[in-house]
């Protein structure tokens, strides 16, 4: 059983690692301390643990490297996934964020998109003012910046906006509000100075 456990833990398949660990543990718990293959059982458990760590590290690296390409000015030149905290003015998103968002798909603005970040700012310092106050401050900031970006007032425009805002849980490290032009249908190009 110890040899089988070792072989299973060496194979690069998650299911075999689990089987290798289970068989290794069963062998260790069911055999005398001087059993001849205890080393193989321990090796099976160690090898499976190493494979697991390698896979987790690999997955983290893959997720971390799927971000978009940007040119020297920071403009997105190829699609990718970013943290909501990394969204920059001028970034276009495939969807308009709704609810709690941690990651966003961004694309070059000349490709179909539904959101365009047009303004970012930090809200006032101090203790967390409460959800209603954060929403009110965020909406006011976006509304104030809308006309400068679009070229006409929000009331006159056919465009809508949405925003990402800080939560109480992240207030100590993140007070940023990011405003986005929001489209129900995919659009191409920037809404900057669109005057519509």
N, C-alpha and C. Protein backbone atom coordinates (compact mmCIF):
# COMPACT_ATOMS: atom_id res chain seq x y z
N UNK A 1 0.82 -1.19 0.00
CA UNK A 1 0.00 0.00 0.00
C UNK A 1 0.87 1.26 0.00
N UNK A 2 2.01 1.27 0.67
CA UNK A 2 2.88 2.44 0.72
C UNK A 2 3.44 2.74 -0.66
N UNK A 3 3.79 1.70 -1.42
CA UNK A 3 4.33 1.91 -2.77
C UNK A 3 3.26 2.49 -3.67
N UNK A 4 2.05 1.99 -3.59
CA UNK A 4 0.94 2.52 -4.39
C UNK A 4 0.68 3.97 -4.03
N UNK A 5 0.72 4.29 -2.74
CA UNK A 5 0.51 5.66 -2.28
C UNK A 5 1.55 6.59 -2.88
N UNK A 6 2.82 6.14 -2.90
CA UNK A 6 3.89 6.96 -3.46
C UNK A 6 3.69 7.17 -4.96
N UNK A 7 3.35 6.12 -5.67
CA UNK A 7 3.13 6.23 -7.12
C UNK A 7 1.97 7.19 -7.41
N UNK A 8 0.88 7.06 -6.67
CA UNK A 8 -0.27 7.93 -6.89
C UNK A 8 0.04 9.40 -6.59
N UNK A 9 0.87 9.64 -5.58
CA UNK A 9 1.18 11.03 -5.23
C UNK A 9 2.13 11.67 -6.24
N UNK A 10 2.88 10.86 -6.98
CA UNK A 10 3.81 11.39 -7.99
C UNK A 10 3.06 11.80 -9.25
N UNK A 11 1.99 11.11 -9.58
CA UNK A 11 1.23 11.43 -10.79
C UNK A 11 0.65 12.84 -10.68
N UNK A 12 0.74 13.63 -11.77
CA UNK A 12 0.28 15.03 -11.70
C UNK A 12 -1.23 15.20 -11.84
N UNK A 13 -1.99 14.51 -11.02
CA UNK A 13 -3.44 14.62 -11.03
C UNK A 13 -3.93 14.80 -9.60
N UNK A 14 -4.78 15.75 -9.40
CA UNK A 14 -5.27 16.07 -8.06
C UNK A 14 -5.90 14.87 -7.37
N UNK A 15 -6.71 14.11 -8.10
CA UNK A 15 -7.39 12.96 -7.51
C UNK A 15 -6.38 11.92 -7.01
N UNK A 16 -5.32 11.73 -7.78
CA UNK A 16 -4.32 10.74 -7.35
C UNK A 16 -3.55 11.22 -6.13
N UNK A 17 -3.35 12.55 -6.00
CA UNK A 17 -2.67 13.06 -4.81
C UNK A 17 -3.49 12.76 -3.57
N UNK A 18 -4.78 12.99 -3.67
CA UNK A 18 -5.66 12.74 -2.52
C UNK A 18 -5.61 11.26 -2.17
N UNK A 19 -5.70 10.41 -3.18
CA UNK A 19 -5.64 8.96 -2.93
C UNK A 19 -4.29 8.59 -2.33
N UNK A 20 -3.21 9.19 -2.83
CA UNK A 20 -1.87 8.91 -2.30
C UNK A 20 -1.75 9.31 -0.84
N UNK A 21 -2.28 10.47 -0.50
CA UNK A 21 -2.23 10.93 0.89
C UNK A 21 -3.05 10.02 1.79
N UNK A 22 -4.27 9.69 1.36
CA UNK A 22 -5.14 8.83 2.16
C UNK A 22 -4.48 7.46 2.38
N UNK A 23 -3.95 6.88 1.30
CA UNK A 23 -3.30 5.57 1.43
C UNK A 23 -2.05 5.66 2.30
N UNK A 24 -1.30 6.75 2.16
CA UNK A 24 -0.10 6.93 2.99
C UNK A 24 -0.46 7.03 4.46
N UNK A 25 -1.51 7.79 4.77
CA UNK A 25 -1.94 7.94 6.16
C UNK A 25 -2.47 6.61 6.69
N UNK A 26 -3.27 5.91 5.89
CA UNK A 26 -3.77 4.60 6.32
C UNK A 26 -2.62 3.64 6.61
N UNK A 27 -1.61 3.64 5.75
CA UNK A 27 -0.47 2.75 5.96
C UNK A 27 0.26 3.11 7.26
N UNK A 28 0.47 4.43 7.47
CA UNK A 28 1.19 4.87 8.67
C UNK A 28 0.42 4.56 9.95
N UNK A 29 -0.90 4.71 9.91
CA UNK A 29 -1.69 4.48 11.13
C UNK A 29 -1.94 2.99 11.37
N UNK A 30 -1.85 2.20 10.32
CA UNK A 30 -2.15 0.78 10.47
C UNK A 30 -0.94 -0.14 10.49
N UNK A 31 0.25 0.43 10.43
CA UNK A 31 1.44 -0.42 10.41
C UNK A 31 2.32 -0.15 11.62
N UNK A 32 3.13 -1.12 11.99
CA UNK A 32 4.04 -0.90 13.12
C UNK A 32 5.07 0.17 12.77
N UNK A 33 5.64 0.80 13.81
CA UNK A 33 6.58 1.89 13.60
C UNK A 33 7.83 1.47 12.84
N UNK A 34 8.14 0.19 12.83
CA UNK A 34 9.35 -0.26 12.13
C UNK A 34 9.02 -0.94 10.80
N UNK A 35 7.83 -0.69 10.27
CA UNK A 35 7.42 -1.30 9.00
C UNK A 35 8.38 -0.85 7.90
N UNK A 36 8.69 -1.74 6.95
CA UNK A 36 9.72 -1.46 5.95
C UNK A 36 9.36 -0.34 4.96
N UNK A 37 8.12 -0.05 4.76
CA UNK A 37 7.76 0.94 3.74
C UNK A 37 7.20 2.25 4.33
N UNK A 38 7.46 2.49 5.60
CA UNK A 38 6.99 3.73 6.22
C UNK A 38 7.56 4.95 5.49
N UNK A 39 8.80 4.87 5.06
CA UNK A 39 9.43 5.98 4.34
C UNK A 39 8.69 6.31 3.05
N UNK A 40 8.22 5.27 2.37
CA UNK A 40 7.46 5.50 1.14
C UNK A 40 6.13 6.17 1.45
N UNK A 41 5.50 5.78 2.53
CA UNK A 41 4.23 6.39 2.91
C UNK A 41 4.43 7.87 3.25
N UNK A 42 5.47 8.18 4.00
CA UNK A 42 5.77 9.57 4.35
C UNK A 42 6.11 10.35 3.07
N UNK A 43 6.90 9.74 2.18
CA UNK A 43 7.25 10.39 0.92
C UNK A 43 6.00 10.68 0.09
N UNK A 44 5.04 9.78 0.09
CA UNK A 44 3.80 9.99 -0.66
C UNK A 44 3.08 11.23 -0.15
N UNK A 45 3.01 11.39 1.16
CA UNK A 45 2.34 12.55 1.75
C UNK A 45 3.10 13.83 1.41
N UNK A 46 4.43 13.80 1.51
CA UNK A 46 5.25 14.98 1.22
C UNK A 46 5.15 15.37 -0.25
N UNK A 47 5.25 14.39 -1.15
CA UNK A 47 5.18 14.67 -2.59
C UNK A 47 3.82 15.27 -2.94
N UNK A 48 2.75 14.74 -2.40
CA UNK A 48 1.42 15.29 -2.67
C UNK A 48 1.31 16.73 -2.16
N UNK A 49 1.90 17.00 -1.00
CA UNK A 49 1.89 18.37 -0.46
C UNK A 49 2.67 19.31 -1.37
N UNK A 50 3.80 18.87 -1.88
CA UNK A 50 4.60 19.70 -2.78
C UNK A 50 3.83 19.99 -4.06
N UNK A 51 3.19 18.97 -4.63
CA UNK A 51 2.37 19.17 -5.84
C UNK A 51 1.26 20.19 -5.57
N UNK A 52 0.62 20.08 -4.43
CA UNK A 52 -0.47 20.99 -4.09
C UNK A 52 0.03 22.43 -4.01
N UNK A 53 1.14 22.64 -3.31
CA UNK A 53 1.71 23.98 -3.19
C UNK A 53 2.09 24.51 -4.57
N UNK A 54 2.70 23.67 -5.40
CA UNK A 54 3.10 24.09 -6.75
C UNK A 54 1.88 24.51 -7.58
N UNK A 55 0.81 23.77 -7.46
CA UNK A 55 -0.41 24.11 -8.20
C UNK A 55 -1.03 25.41 -7.72
N UNK A 56 -1.05 25.62 -6.42
CA UNK A 56 -1.61 26.86 -5.88
C UNK A 56 -0.76 28.05 -6.34
N UNK A 57 0.55 27.93 -6.25
CA UNK A 57 1.44 29.01 -6.69
C UNK A 57 1.25 29.26 -8.19
N UNK A 58 1.15 28.19 -8.97
CA UNK A 58 0.93 28.33 -10.41
C UNK A 58 -0.38 29.04 -10.71
N UNK A 59 -1.44 28.69 -9.99
CA UNK A 59 -2.74 29.32 -10.21
C UNK A 59 -2.67 30.81 -9.87
N UNK A 60 -2.01 31.15 -8.78
CA UNK A 60 -1.88 32.56 -8.39
C UNK A 60 -1.09 33.32 -9.46
N UNK A 61 -0.03 32.72 -9.97
CA UNK A 61 0.76 33.39 -11.02
C UNK A 61 -0.05 33.58 -12.29
N UNK A 62 -0.83 32.59 -12.65
CA UNK A 62 -1.67 32.71 -13.85
C UNK A 62 -2.68 33.82 -13.69
N UNK A 63 -3.33 33.88 -12.54
CA UNK A 63 -4.32 34.93 -12.29
C UNK A 63 -3.64 36.30 -12.28
N UNK A 64 -2.45 36.36 -11.67
CA UNK A 64 -1.75 37.65 -11.57
C UNK A 64 -1.24 38.14 -12.92
N UNK A 65 -1.02 37.25 -13.86
CA UNK A 65 -0.45 37.66 -15.15
C UNK A 65 -1.49 37.76 -16.26
N UNK A 66 -2.77 37.73 -15.92
CA UNK A 66 -3.80 37.85 -16.95
C UNK A 66 -4.27 39.29 -17.11
N UNK A 67 -3.52 40.21 -16.52
CA UNK A 67 -3.89 41.61 -16.64
C UNK A 67 -3.72 42.11 -18.06
N UNK A 68 -4.28 43.25 -18.35
CA UNK A 68 -4.20 43.79 -19.70
C UNK A 68 -2.82 44.37 -19.98
N UNK A 69 -2.48 44.49 -21.25
CA UNK A 69 -1.29 45.22 -21.64
C UNK A 69 -1.66 46.70 -21.68
N UNK A 70 -0.71 47.54 -21.31
CA UNK A 70 -0.92 48.99 -21.35
C UNK A 70 0.24 49.63 -22.10
N UNK A 71 -0.03 50.74 -22.77
CA UNK A 71 1.06 51.46 -23.44
C UNK A 71 1.74 52.38 -22.43
N UNK A 72 2.69 53.18 -22.90
CA UNK A 72 3.46 54.04 -22.01
C UNK A 72 2.59 55.06 -21.27
N UNK A 73 1.45 55.42 -21.86
CA UNK A 73 0.53 56.36 -21.21
C UNK A 73 -0.43 55.68 -20.24
N UNK A 74 -0.39 54.35 -20.17
CA UNK A 74 -1.28 53.61 -19.28
C UNK A 74 -2.58 53.19 -19.93
N UNK A 75 -2.73 53.45 -21.23
CA UNK A 75 -3.95 53.08 -21.94
C UNK A 75 -3.96 51.58 -22.20
N UNK A 76 -5.09 50.94 -21.96
CA UNK A 76 -5.23 49.50 -22.19
C UNK A 76 -5.11 49.22 -23.68
N UNK A 77 -4.21 48.27 -24.04
CA UNK A 77 -4.02 47.92 -25.45
C UNK A 77 -4.45 46.48 -25.75
N UNK A 78 -4.71 45.69 -24.71
CA UNK A 78 -5.24 44.34 -24.91
C UNK A 78 -6.09 43.99 -23.71
N UNK A 79 -7.09 43.14 -23.93
CA UNK A 79 -8.01 42.82 -22.84
C UNK A 79 -7.32 42.04 -21.74
N UNK A 80 -7.88 42.12 -20.56
CA UNK A 80 -7.36 41.40 -19.42
C UNK A 80 -8.23 41.64 -18.21
N UNK A 81 -7.93 40.94 -17.15
CA UNK A 81 -8.69 41.06 -15.91
C UNK A 81 -7.84 41.80 -14.89
N UNK A 82 -8.45 42.76 -14.20
CA UNK A 82 -7.74 43.53 -13.19
C UNK A 82 -8.55 43.57 -11.90
N UNK A 83 -7.88 43.90 -10.83
CA UNK A 83 -8.55 44.15 -9.56
C UNK A 83 -9.37 45.43 -9.69
N UNK A 84 -10.50 45.47 -9.06
CA UNK A 84 -11.32 46.69 -9.07
C UNK A 84 -10.52 47.88 -8.52
N UNK A 85 -9.56 47.61 -7.64
CA UNK A 85 -8.73 48.67 -7.07
C UNK A 85 -7.77 49.26 -8.11
N UNK A 86 -7.50 48.52 -9.20
CA UNK A 86 -6.55 48.95 -10.21
C UNK A 86 -7.19 49.62 -11.41
N UNK A 87 -8.51 49.79 -11.39
CA UNK A 87 -9.20 50.44 -12.50
C UNK A 87 -8.75 51.90 -12.57
N UNK A 88 -8.37 52.34 -13.76
CA UNK A 88 -7.87 53.70 -13.95
C UNK A 88 -8.81 54.51 -14.83
N UNK A 89 -8.72 55.83 -14.71
CA UNK A 89 -9.47 56.70 -15.61
C UNK A 89 -9.08 56.35 -17.04
N UNK A 90 -10.09 56.22 -17.91
CA UNK A 90 -9.84 55.88 -19.30
C UNK A 90 -9.96 54.39 -19.59
N UNK A 91 -10.02 53.54 -18.56
CA UNK A 91 -10.19 52.10 -18.77
C UNK A 91 -11.63 51.81 -19.17
N UNK A 92 -11.81 50.91 -20.12
CA UNK A 92 -13.14 50.48 -20.53
C UNK A 92 -13.38 49.05 -20.07
N UNK A 93 -14.57 48.79 -19.56
CA UNK A 93 -14.91 47.49 -18.99
C UNK A 93 -15.98 46.80 -19.83
N UNK A 94 -15.90 45.47 -19.87
CA UNK A 94 -16.87 44.72 -20.67
C UNK A 94 -18.26 44.78 -20.07
N UNK A 95 -18.35 44.95 -18.76
CA UNK A 95 -19.63 45.06 -18.08
C UNK A 95 -19.62 46.24 -17.14
N UNK A 96 -20.79 46.71 -16.79
CA UNK A 96 -20.92 47.77 -15.80
C UNK A 96 -21.00 47.09 -14.43
N UNK A 97 -20.10 47.42 -13.53
CA UNK A 97 -20.11 46.77 -12.21
C UNK A 97 -21.43 46.98 -11.49
N UNK A 98 -21.87 45.93 -10.81
CA UNK A 98 -23.10 45.99 -10.03
C UNK A 98 -22.88 45.18 -8.76
N UNK A 99 -23.12 45.76 -7.63
CA UNK A 99 -22.88 45.06 -6.38
C UNK A 99 -21.41 45.09 -6.01
N UNK A 100 -21.00 44.20 -5.14
CA UNK A 100 -19.61 44.12 -4.72
C UNK A 100 -18.78 43.51 -5.84
N UNK A 101 -17.74 44.21 -6.24
CA UNK A 101 -16.91 43.79 -7.36
C UNK A 101 -15.46 43.72 -6.90
N UNK A 102 -14.78 42.63 -7.25
CA UNK A 102 -13.36 42.51 -6.92
C UNK A 102 -12.49 42.52 -8.16
N UNK A 103 -12.98 41.96 -9.27
CA UNK A 103 -12.21 41.90 -10.51
C UNK A 103 -13.08 42.36 -11.67
N UNK A 104 -12.43 42.98 -12.64
CA UNK A 104 -13.14 43.50 -13.81
C UNK A 104 -12.38 43.11 -15.08
N UNK A 105 -13.13 42.86 -16.13
CA UNK A 105 -12.54 42.60 -17.44
C UNK A 105 -12.45 43.94 -18.16
N UNK A 106 -11.22 44.34 -18.55
CA UNK A 106 -11.04 45.59 -19.29
C UNK A 106 -10.61 45.29 -20.72
N UNK A 107 -10.97 46.20 -21.63
CA UNK A 107 -10.63 46.07 -23.05
C UNK A 107 -10.22 47.44 -23.56
N UNK A 108 -9.51 47.48 -24.69
CA UNK A 108 -9.27 48.79 -25.30
C UNK A 108 -10.61 49.44 -25.63
N UNK A 109 -10.70 50.74 -25.49
CA UNK A 109 -11.98 51.42 -25.67
C UNK A 109 -12.49 51.39 -27.10
N UNK A 110 -11.63 51.04 -28.07
CA UNK A 110 -12.13 50.93 -29.44
C UNK A 110 -12.77 49.57 -29.71
N UNK A 111 -12.78 48.72 -28.69
CA UNK A 111 -13.50 47.43 -28.76
C UNK A 111 -14.82 47.58 -28.01
N UNK A 112 -15.81 46.72 -28.31
CA UNK A 112 -17.10 46.82 -27.62
C UNK A 112 -16.94 46.74 -26.09
N UNK A 113 -17.58 47.67 -25.40
CA UNK A 113 -17.54 47.72 -23.94
C UNK A 113 -18.83 48.36 -23.43
N UNK A 114 -19.08 48.18 -22.13
CA UNK A 114 -20.29 48.75 -21.53
C UNK A 114 -19.99 49.79 -20.46
N UNK A 115 -18.71 49.88 -20.05
CA UNK A 115 -18.35 50.85 -19.02
C UNK A 115 -17.06 51.56 -19.39
N UNK A 116 -16.94 52.82 -18.97
CA UNK A 116 -15.70 53.58 -19.18
C UNK A 116 -15.43 54.41 -17.93
N UNK A 117 -14.31 54.14 -17.28
CA UNK A 117 -13.95 54.89 -16.08
C UNK A 117 -13.56 56.31 -16.49
N UNK A 118 -14.25 57.32 -15.92
CA UNK A 118 -13.99 58.70 -16.32
C UNK A 118 -13.51 59.60 -15.20
N UNK A 119 -13.54 59.11 -13.95
CA UNK A 119 -13.11 59.96 -12.84
C UNK A 119 -12.82 59.08 -11.63
N UNK A 120 -11.74 59.39 -10.94
CA UNK A 120 -11.44 58.73 -9.67
C UNK A 120 -11.06 59.79 -8.65
N UNK A 121 -11.42 59.56 -7.42
CA UNK A 121 -11.07 60.47 -6.34
C UNK A 121 -11.18 59.73 -5.01
N UNK A 122 -10.47 60.24 -4.02
CA UNK A 122 -10.59 59.69 -2.67
C UNK A 122 -11.63 60.50 -1.91
N UNK A 123 -12.45 59.80 -1.15
CA UNK A 123 -13.43 60.47 -0.30
C UNK A 123 -12.74 61.00 0.95
N UNK A 124 -13.45 61.79 1.72
CA UNK A 124 -12.90 62.48 2.89
C UNK A 124 -12.27 61.51 3.89
N UNK A 125 -11.27 62.00 4.58
CA UNK A 125 -10.61 61.20 5.61
C UNK A 125 -11.48 61.17 6.86
N UNK A 126 -11.08 60.36 7.81
CA UNK A 126 -11.82 60.22 9.06
C UNK A 126 -12.44 58.85 9.16
N UNK A 127 -13.28 58.69 10.15
CA UNK A 127 -13.97 57.42 10.35
C UNK A 127 -14.96 57.18 9.22
N UNK A 128 -15.28 55.90 9.01
CA UNK A 128 -16.25 55.54 7.98
C UNK A 128 -17.57 56.26 8.27
N UNK A 129 -18.07 57.04 7.32
CA UNK A 129 -19.25 57.87 7.59
C UNK A 129 -20.58 57.13 7.47
N UNK A 130 -20.56 55.87 7.08
CA UNK A 130 -21.79 55.10 6.88
C UNK A 130 -22.08 54.93 5.41
N UNK A 131 -22.82 53.88 5.09
CA UNK A 131 -23.11 53.55 3.69
C UNK A 131 -23.82 54.68 2.96
N UNK A 132 -24.84 55.26 3.57
CA UNK A 132 -25.61 56.31 2.90
C UNK A 132 -24.74 57.51 2.56
N UNK A 133 -23.87 57.91 3.49
CA UNK A 133 -22.99 59.05 3.25
C UNK A 133 -21.97 58.74 2.15
N UNK A 134 -21.44 57.53 2.13
CA UNK A 134 -20.48 57.15 1.09
C UNK A 134 -21.16 57.17 -0.28
N UNK A 135 -22.36 56.60 -0.35
CA UNK A 135 -23.10 56.60 -1.62
C UNK A 135 -23.41 58.03 -2.08
N UNK A 136 -23.83 58.86 -1.15
CA UNK A 136 -24.17 60.25 -1.49
C UNK A 136 -22.92 61.00 -1.99
N UNK A 137 -21.79 60.86 -1.27
CA UNK A 137 -20.55 61.52 -1.69
C UNK A 137 -20.08 60.99 -3.04
N UNK A 138 -20.17 59.68 -3.24
CA UNK A 138 -19.72 59.08 -4.50
C UNK A 138 -20.55 59.58 -5.66
N UNK A 139 -21.86 59.59 -5.49
CA UNK A 139 -22.74 60.05 -6.56
C UNK A 139 -22.51 61.52 -6.89
N UNK A 140 -22.31 62.34 -5.85
CA UNK A 140 -22.05 63.77 -6.07
C UNK A 140 -20.76 63.96 -6.83
N UNK A 141 -19.70 63.23 -6.46
CA UNK A 141 -18.42 63.36 -7.17
C UNK A 141 -18.58 63.00 -8.64
N UNK A 142 -19.29 61.92 -8.92
CA UNK A 142 -19.48 61.48 -10.30
C UNK A 142 -20.34 62.46 -11.09
N UNK A 143 -21.39 62.93 -10.46
CA UNK A 143 -22.27 63.89 -11.12
C UNK A 143 -21.52 65.18 -11.45
N UNK A 144 -20.68 65.65 -10.52
CA UNK A 144 -19.89 66.86 -10.75
C UNK A 144 -18.88 66.67 -11.89
N UNK A 145 -18.30 65.48 -12.01
CA UNK A 145 -17.27 65.22 -13.03
C UNK A 145 -17.88 64.87 -14.39
N UNK A 146 -19.15 64.48 -14.40
CA UNK A 146 -19.81 64.02 -15.63
C UNK A 146 -19.75 65.07 -16.74
N UNK A 147 -20.15 66.30 -16.44
CA UNK A 147 -20.23 67.34 -17.47
C UNK A 147 -18.85 67.64 -18.06
N UNK A 148 -17.83 67.71 -17.22
CA UNK A 148 -16.47 67.97 -17.72
C UNK A 148 -16.02 66.87 -18.67
N UNK A 149 -16.43 65.62 -18.41
CA UNK A 149 -15.99 64.51 -19.24
C UNK A 149 -16.82 64.40 -20.52
N UNK A 150 -18.14 64.42 -20.39
CA UNK A 150 -19.02 64.17 -21.53
C UNK A 150 -19.21 65.43 -22.38
N UNK A 151 -19.17 66.61 -21.77
CA UNK A 151 -19.36 67.83 -22.52
C UNK A 151 -20.77 68.38 -22.46
N UNK A 152 -21.59 67.81 -21.60
CA UNK A 152 -22.94 68.33 -21.34
C UNK A 152 -23.39 67.82 -19.97
N UNK A 153 -24.40 68.45 -19.42
CA UNK A 153 -24.85 68.06 -18.08
C UNK A 153 -25.48 66.67 -18.13
N UNK A 154 -25.52 66.06 -16.98
CA UNK A 154 -26.12 64.73 -16.87
C UNK A 154 -27.60 64.77 -17.27
N UNK A 155 -28.30 65.80 -16.84
CA UNK A 155 -29.74 65.91 -17.16
C UNK A 155 -29.99 66.04 -18.66
N UNK A 156 -29.08 66.63 -19.38
CA UNK A 156 -29.22 66.80 -20.84
C UNK A 156 -28.74 65.57 -21.61
N UNK A 157 -27.90 64.78 -21.00
CA UNK A 157 -27.24 63.67 -21.70
C UNK A 157 -28.12 62.42 -21.76
N UNK A 158 -27.88 61.63 -22.79
CA UNK A 158 -28.54 60.32 -22.90
C UNK A 158 -27.72 59.24 -22.16
N UNK A 159 -26.51 59.61 -21.74
CA UNK A 159 -25.62 58.66 -21.08
C UNK A 159 -25.95 58.53 -19.60
N UNK A 160 -25.61 57.38 -19.06
CA UNK A 160 -25.79 57.10 -17.63
C UNK A 160 -24.42 56.95 -16.98
N UNK A 161 -24.38 56.93 -15.66
CA UNK A 161 -23.12 56.62 -14.99
C UNK A 161 -23.38 55.67 -13.83
N UNK A 162 -22.31 55.02 -13.45
CA UNK A 162 -22.30 54.11 -12.30
C UNK A 162 -21.01 54.41 -11.56
N UNK A 163 -20.80 53.79 -10.42
CA UNK A 163 -19.55 54.04 -9.71
C UNK A 163 -19.21 52.86 -8.79
N UNK A 164 -17.91 52.75 -8.57
CA UNK A 164 -17.38 51.82 -7.57
C UNK A 164 -17.03 52.67 -6.35
N UNK A 165 -17.38 52.21 -5.18
CA UNK A 165 -17.16 53.01 -3.98
C UNK A 165 -16.58 52.11 -2.88
N UNK A 166 -15.91 52.73 -1.91
CA UNK A 166 -15.30 51.95 -0.84
C UNK A 166 -16.33 51.39 0.13
N UNK A 167 -16.00 50.25 0.68
CA UNK A 167 -16.85 49.62 1.69
C UNK A 167 -16.27 49.88 3.08
N UNK A 168 -17.06 49.68 4.07
CA UNK A 168 -16.58 49.87 5.44
C UNK A 168 -15.39 48.97 5.72
N UNK A 169 -15.41 47.74 5.20
CA UNK A 169 -14.33 46.79 5.45
C UNK A 169 -13.00 47.24 4.87
N UNK A 170 -13.03 48.04 3.81
CA UNK A 170 -11.78 48.47 3.17
C UNK A 170 -11.45 49.94 3.44
N UNK A 171 -12.24 50.61 4.25
CA UNK A 171 -12.11 52.05 4.44
C UNK A 171 -10.72 52.46 4.94
N UNK A 172 -10.11 51.66 5.77
CA UNK A 172 -8.79 52.01 6.32
C UNK A 172 -7.73 52.10 5.23
N UNK A 173 -7.88 51.35 4.14
CA UNK A 173 -6.87 51.33 3.08
C UNK A 173 -7.38 51.83 1.74
N UNK A 174 -8.69 51.96 1.59
CA UNK A 174 -9.25 52.38 0.30
C UNK A 174 -10.45 53.29 0.51
N UNK A 175 -10.32 54.53 0.06
CA UNK A 175 -11.43 55.50 0.14
C UNK A 175 -11.78 56.00 -1.25
N UNK A 176 -11.39 55.23 -2.25
CA UNK A 176 -11.50 55.68 -3.63
C UNK A 176 -12.87 55.39 -4.23
N UNK A 177 -13.37 56.40 -4.95
CA UNK A 177 -14.58 56.22 -5.76
C UNK A 177 -14.14 56.30 -7.22
N UNK A 178 -14.63 55.39 -8.05
CA UNK A 178 -14.34 55.40 -9.48
C UNK A 178 -15.66 55.51 -10.23
N UNK A 179 -15.78 56.54 -11.05
CA UNK A 179 -17.01 56.79 -11.80
C UNK A 179 -16.87 56.20 -13.20
N UNK A 180 -17.95 55.60 -13.70
CA UNK A 180 -17.95 54.99 -15.03
C UNK A 180 -19.16 55.45 -15.83
N UNK A 181 -18.92 55.75 -17.11
CA UNK A 181 -20.04 55.92 -18.04
C UNK A 181 -20.61 54.52 -18.23
N UNK A 182 -21.91 54.38 -18.14
CA UNK A 182 -22.55 53.06 -18.21
C UNK A 182 -23.44 52.97 -19.43
N UNK A 183 -23.24 51.92 -20.21
CA UNK A 183 -24.07 51.69 -21.40
C UNK A 183 -24.81 50.38 -21.24
N UNK A 184 -26.10 50.37 -21.57
CA UNK A 184 -26.84 49.11 -21.50
C UNK A 184 -26.44 48.20 -22.65
N UNK A 185 -26.11 48.80 -23.80
CA UNK A 185 -25.65 48.03 -24.95
C UNK A 185 -24.17 48.30 -25.16
N UNK A 186 -23.43 47.32 -25.66
CA UNK A 186 -22.00 47.55 -25.92
C UNK A 186 -21.80 48.71 -26.91
N UNK A 187 -20.76 49.47 -26.68
CA UNK A 187 -20.43 50.61 -27.52
C UNK A 187 -18.93 50.58 -27.80
N UNK A 188 -18.49 51.36 -28.76
CA UNK A 188 -17.05 51.47 -29.03
C UNK A 188 -16.66 52.93 -28.97
N UNK A 189 -15.39 53.17 -28.69
CA UNK A 189 -14.88 54.53 -28.58
C UNK A 189 -15.14 55.11 -27.21
N UNK A 190 -14.56 56.26 -26.97
CA UNK A 190 -14.70 56.93 -25.68
C UNK A 190 -15.91 57.87 -25.68
N UNK A 191 -16.47 58.06 -24.51
CA UNK A 191 -17.58 59.02 -24.35
C UNK A 191 -17.05 60.41 -24.02
N UNK A 192 -15.73 60.54 -23.95
CA UNK A 192 -15.16 61.86 -23.63
C UNK A 192 -15.54 62.87 -24.71
N UNK A 193 -16.09 63.98 -24.27
CA UNK A 193 -16.55 65.07 -25.15
C UNK A 193 -17.57 64.59 -26.20
N UNK A 194 -18.30 63.53 -25.88
CA UNK A 194 -19.30 63.00 -26.82
C UNK A 194 -20.49 63.94 -26.97
N UNK A 195 -20.76 64.75 -25.97
CA UNK A 195 -21.86 65.71 -25.99
C UNK A 195 -23.16 65.07 -26.46
N UNK A 196 -23.47 63.94 -25.88
CA UNK A 196 -24.74 63.28 -26.21
C UNK A 196 -25.38 62.74 -24.94
